[in-house]
Amino acid sequence: MIMVLPFLTGAIAAWLGVAGKRRACLWAWFITFVIFIAWCQYHMTDSLPISL
C-alpha cells in the first residue's frame, strides 16, 4: 500500500513527459525520488518481524 504513491507520481511524471510538459515532468520525477528516499530510510531501518 505504501508504494502506491510513488507509483502514482511516477505514472504522472511519465504522462507529463509524453504530453511534452518537460518542467512539470521533471518536478514530478523529483517528488517521486524524494518519496523513494524517505520510504527507503523508513524500510531500511525498520526491524523485520521474522521468527526464525
N, C-alpha and C. Protein backbone atom coordinates (compact mmCIF):
# COMPACT_ATOMS: atom_id res chain seq x y z
N MET A 1 0.82 -1.19 0.00
CA MET A 1 0.00 0.00 0.00
C MET A 1 0.86 1.26 0.00
N ILE A 2 1.99 1.21 0.68
CA ILE A 2 2.85 2.38 0.77
C ILE A 2 3.43 2.74 -0.60
N MET A 3 3.64 1.75 -1.46
CA MET A 3 4.28 2.02 -2.74
C MET A 3 3.30 2.56 -3.79
N VAL A 4 2.06 2.78 -3.44
CA VAL A 4 1.10 3.32 -4.40
C VAL A 4 1.43 4.78 -4.74
N LEU A 5 1.83 5.57 -3.75
CA LEU A 5 2.11 6.98 -4.00
C LEU A 5 3.28 7.20 -4.97
N PRO A 6 4.44 6.53 -4.80
CA PRO A 6 5.49 6.72 -5.79
C PRO A 6 5.13 6.16 -7.16
N PHE A 7 4.34 5.09 -7.19
CA PHE A 7 3.88 4.58 -8.48
C PHE A 7 3.00 5.61 -9.17
N LEU A 8 2.11 6.21 -8.41
CA LEU A 8 1.21 7.21 -8.97
C LEU A 8 1.97 8.44 -9.45
N THR A 9 2.89 8.95 -8.65
CA THR A 9 3.66 10.12 -9.07
C THR A 9 4.58 9.79 -10.24
N GLY A 10 5.10 8.57 -10.28
CA GLY A 10 5.91 8.15 -11.43
C GLY A 10 5.08 8.05 -12.70
N ALA A 11 3.86 7.53 -12.57
CA ALA A 11 2.97 7.44 -13.73
C ALA A 11 2.58 8.84 -14.22
N ILE A 12 2.34 9.75 -13.28
CA ILE A 12 2.02 11.13 -13.66
C ILE A 12 3.21 11.77 -14.36
N ALA A 13 4.41 11.51 -13.86
CA ALA A 13 5.61 12.06 -14.49
C ALA A 13 5.78 11.51 -15.91
N ALA A 14 5.55 10.22 -16.09
CA ALA A 14 5.65 9.64 -17.42
C ALA A 14 4.60 10.24 -18.36
N TRP A 15 3.39 10.41 -17.86
CA TRP A 15 2.33 11.00 -18.68
C TRP A 15 2.68 12.44 -19.06
N LEU A 16 3.22 13.20 -18.12
CA LEU A 16 3.62 14.58 -18.42
C LEU A 16 4.75 14.61 -19.45
N GLY A 17 5.65 13.64 -19.35
CA GLY A 17 6.73 13.56 -20.34
C GLY A 17 6.22 13.26 -21.73
N VAL A 18 5.27 12.35 -21.84
CA VAL A 18 4.67 12.02 -23.14
C VAL A 18 3.89 13.22 -23.68
N ALA A 19 3.26 13.97 -22.77
CA ALA A 19 2.47 15.13 -23.17
C ALA A 19 3.34 16.32 -23.56
N GLY A 20 4.65 16.22 -23.29
CA GLY A 20 5.56 17.29 -23.70
C GLY A 20 5.73 18.40 -22.67
N LYS A 21 5.29 18.18 -21.45
CA LYS A 21 5.41 19.19 -20.40
C LYS A 21 6.67 18.88 -19.59
N ARG A 22 7.80 19.33 -20.11
CA ARG A 22 9.10 18.94 -19.57
C ARG A 22 9.31 19.41 -18.14
N ARG A 23 9.03 20.66 -17.84
CA ARG A 23 9.28 21.19 -16.50
C ARG A 23 8.44 20.48 -15.44
N ALA A 24 7.16 20.28 -15.73
CA ALA A 24 6.28 19.58 -14.79
C ALA A 24 6.71 18.12 -14.64
N CYS A 25 7.17 17.51 -15.73
CA CYS A 25 7.64 16.13 -15.68
C CYS A 25 8.85 16.00 -14.76
N LEU A 26 9.79 16.91 -14.87
CA LEU A 26 10.98 16.86 -14.02
C LEU A 26 10.63 17.06 -12.55
N TRP A 27 9.68 17.95 -12.27
CA TRP A 27 9.25 18.15 -10.89
C TRP A 27 8.56 16.90 -10.34
N ALA A 28 7.76 16.25 -11.16
CA ALA A 28 7.09 15.03 -10.72
C ALA A 28 8.10 13.92 -10.46
N TRP A 29 9.14 13.80 -11.29
CA TRP A 29 10.18 12.80 -11.05
C TRP A 29 10.95 13.13 -9.78
N PHE A 30 11.20 14.41 -9.54
CA PHE A 30 11.90 14.82 -8.32
C PHE A 30 11.07 14.47 -7.08
N ILE A 31 9.78 14.73 -7.12
CA ILE A 31 8.90 14.38 -6.00
C ILE A 31 8.89 12.87 -5.78
N THR A 32 8.84 12.10 -6.86
CA THR A 32 8.88 10.65 -6.76
C THR A 32 10.18 10.19 -6.11
N PHE A 33 11.29 10.79 -6.51
CA PHE A 33 12.59 10.44 -5.96
C PHE A 33 12.66 10.74 -4.46
N VAL A 34 12.13 11.88 -4.05
CA VAL A 34 12.11 12.25 -2.63
C VAL A 34 11.27 11.26 -1.83
N ILE A 35 10.14 10.84 -2.38
CA ILE A 35 9.29 9.85 -1.69
C ILE A 35 10.05 8.53 -1.55
N PHE A 36 10.73 8.09 -2.61
CA PHE A 36 11.51 6.86 -2.54
C PHE A 36 12.60 6.95 -1.47
N ILE A 37 13.31 8.06 -1.43
CA ILE A 37 14.37 8.23 -0.44
C ILE A 37 13.80 8.18 0.98
N ALA A 38 12.71 8.87 1.21
CA ALA A 38 12.10 8.89 2.55
C ALA A 38 11.64 7.50 2.95
N TRP A 39 10.99 6.77 2.05
CA TRP A 39 10.49 5.46 2.42
C TRP A 39 11.57 4.39 2.44
N CYS A 40 12.64 4.57 1.69
CA CYS A 40 13.77 3.65 1.80
C CYS A 40 14.39 3.77 3.18
N GLN A 41 14.55 5.00 3.66
CA GLN A 41 15.09 5.20 5.01
C GLN A 41 14.20 4.53 6.05
N TYR A 42 12.90 4.67 5.90
CA TYR A 42 11.97 4.05 6.83
C TYR A 42 12.07 2.52 6.79
N HIS A 43 12.10 1.94 5.60
CA HIS A 43 12.10 0.49 5.47
C HIS A 43 13.45 -0.12 5.79
N MET A 44 14.53 0.59 5.54
CA MET A 44 15.86 0.03 5.79
C MET A 44 16.20 0.04 7.29
N THR A 45 15.57 0.90 8.06
CA THR A 45 15.87 0.97 9.49
C THR A 45 14.82 0.27 10.34
N ASP A 46 13.75 -0.21 9.74
CA ASP A 46 12.69 -0.89 10.47
C ASP A 46 13.10 -2.33 10.74
N SER A 47 12.77 -2.84 11.91
CA SER A 47 13.11 -4.22 12.23
C SER A 47 12.12 -5.17 11.54
N LEU A 48 12.60 -6.32 11.18
CA LEU A 48 11.77 -7.31 10.50
C LEU A 48 11.10 -8.22 11.52
N PRO A 49 9.79 -8.38 11.45
CA PRO A 49 9.10 -9.25 12.39
C PRO A 49 9.14 -10.72 11.94
N ILE A 50 10.35 -11.27 11.85
CA ILE A 50 10.50 -12.64 11.38
C ILE A 50 10.89 -13.53 12.57
N SER A 51 10.20 -14.60 12.73
CA SER A 51 10.52 -15.56 13.77
C SER A 51 11.28 -16.71 13.16
N LEU A 52 12.54 -16.86 13.53
CA LEU A 52 13.36 -17.93 12.95
C LEU A 52 13.45 -19.11 13.86
